Amino acid sequence: MSVSSVSERKPEHSVVTSTSTCYQVDQQVKLMDLQAEVDLLLLQLQQLKQQKDVCTHEQSC
């Protein structure tokens, strides 16, 4: 997964955020928390992949 995957996901964010106005406030907060958690997990996954790529590259040199 590349960094562009996260940036590609951002337009979806705006769609979800704009449609979330029909939810109650507590549901909006839960949705925002879940979105933040997904974003964090995606970043962690990207970091792990980069670390793996670096390790693989160093071993092959």
C-alpha atoms as a PDB file:
ATOM      1  CA  MET A   1       0.000   0.000   0.000  1.00  0.00           C
ATOM      2  CA  SER A   2       1.432   3.339  -0.958  1.00  0.00           C
ATOM      3  CA  VAL A   3       1.043   6.802   0.504  1.00  0.00           C
ATOM      4  CA  SER A   4      -1.248   7.613  -2.415  1.00  0.00           C
ATOM      5  CA  SER A   5      -3.720   5.060  -1.038  1.00  0.00           C
ATOM      6  CA  VAL A   6      -4.313   7.254   1.977  1.00  0.00           C
ATOM      7  CA  SER A   7      -4.688  10.370  -0.153  1.00  0.00           C
ATOM      8  CA  GLU A   8      -7.047   8.484  -2.464  1.00  0.00           C
ATOM      9  CA  ARG A   9      -9.167   7.673   0.567  1.00  0.00           C
ATOM     10  CA  LYS A  10      -9.618  11.298   1.599  1.00  0.00           C
ATOM     11  CA  PRO A  11     -12.399  12.100  -0.901  1.00  0.00           C
ATOM     12  CA  GLU A  12     -14.340   9.228   0.617  1.00  0.00           C
ATOM     13  CA  HIS A  13     -13.807  10.921   3.962  1.00  0.00           C
ATOM     14  CA  SER A  14     -15.557  14.048   2.755  1.00  0.00           C
ATOM     15  CA  VAL A  15     -18.450  12.006   1.378  1.00  0.00           C
ATOM     16  CA  VAL A  16     -18.847  10.146   4.671  1.00  0.00           C
ATOM     17  CA  THR A  17     -18.495  13.347   6.660  1.00  0.00           C
ATOM     18  CA  SER A  18     -21.029  15.202   4.541  1.00  0.00           C
ATOM     19  CA  THR A  19     -23.554  12.373   4.810  1.00  0.00           C
ATOM     20  CA  SER A  20     -22.963  11.971   8.531  1.00  0.00           C
ATOM     21  CA  THR A  21     -24.988  15.100   9.267  1.00  0.00           C
ATOM     22  CA  CYS A  22     -28.119  12.959   9.339  1.00  0.00           C
ATOM     23  CA  TYR A  23     -26.688  10.998  12.263  1.00  0.00           C
ATOM     24  CA  GLN A  24     -27.096  11.921  15.899  1.00  0.00           C
ATOM     25  CA  VAL A  25     -24.133  13.635  17.527  1.00  0.00           C
ATOM     26  CA  ASP A  26     -23.025  10.558  19.481  1.00  0.00           C
ATOM     27  CA  GLN A  27     -23.070   8.518  16.277  1.00  0.00           C
ATOM     28  CA  GLN A  28     -21.026  11.202  14.511  1.00  0.00           C
ATOM     29  CA  VAL A  29     -18.441  11.074  17.294  1.00  0.00           C
ATOM     30  CA  LYS A  30     -18.224   7.274  17.045  1.00  0.00           C
ATOM     31  CA  LEU A  31     -17.879   7.492  13.278  1.00  0.00           C
ATOM     32  CA  MET A  32     -15.125  10.094  13.541  1.00  0.00           C
ATOM     33  CA  ASP A  33     -13.309   7.956  16.126  1.00  0.00           C
ATOM     34  CA  LEU A  34     -13.501   4.945  13.823  1.00  0.00           C
ATOM     35  CA  GLN A  35     -12.269   7.000  10.875  1.00  0.00           C
ATOM     36  CA  ALA A  36      -9.320   8.229  12.925  1.00  0.00           C
ATOM     37  CA  GLU A  37      -8.527   4.684  14.048  1.00  0.00           C
ATOM     38  CA  VAL A  38      -8.638   3.406  10.457  1.00  0.00           C
ATOM     39  CA  ASP A  39      -6.335   6.229   9.349  1.00  0.00           C
ATOM     40  CA  LEU A  40      -3.903   5.397  12.148  1.00  0.00           C
ATOM     41  CA  LEU A  41      -3.946   1.694  11.295  1.00  0.00           C
ATOM     42  CA  LEU A  42      -3.323   2.482   7.628  1.00  0.00           C
ATOM     43  CA  LEU A  43      -0.321   4.615   8.545  1.00  0.00           C
ATOM     44  CA  GLN A  44       1.043   1.883  10.808  1.00  0.00           C
ATOM     45  CA  LEU A  45       0.587  -0.667   8.037  1.00  0.00           C
ATOM     46  CA  GLN A  46       2.434   1.569   5.592  1.00  0.00           C
ATOM     47  CA  GLN A  47       5.285   2.032   8.071  1.00  0.00           C
ATOM     48  CA  LEU A  48       5.565  -1.712   8.613  1.00  0.00           C
ATOM     49  CA  LYS A  49       5.596  -2.311   4.871  1.00  0.00           C
ATOM     50  CA  GLN A  50       8.331   0.302   4.412  1.00  0.00           C
ATOM     51  CA  GLN A  51      10.389  -1.291   7.206  1.00  0.00           C
ATOM     52  CA  LYS A  52       9.947  -4.693   5.602  1.00  0.00           C
ATOM     53  CA  ASP A  53      10.978  -3.317   2.205  1.00  0.00           C
ATOM     54  CA  VAL A  54      14.095  -1.722   3.735  1.00  0.00           C
ATOM     55  CA  CYS A  55      15.035  -4.942   5.528  1.00  0.00           C
ATOM     56  CA  THR A  56      14.483  -6.984   2.393  1.00  0.00           C
ATOM     57  CA  HIS A  57      16.537  -4.554   0.345  1.00  0.00           C
ATOM     58  CA  GLU A  58      19.393  -4.553   2.891  1.00  0.00           C
ATOM     59  CA  GLN A  59      19.503  -8.346   2.960  1.00  0.00           C
ATOM     60  CA  SER A  60      19.701  -8.564  -0.821  1.00  0.00           C
ATOM     61  CA  CYS A  61      22.636  -6.113  -1.013  1.00  0.00           C
END
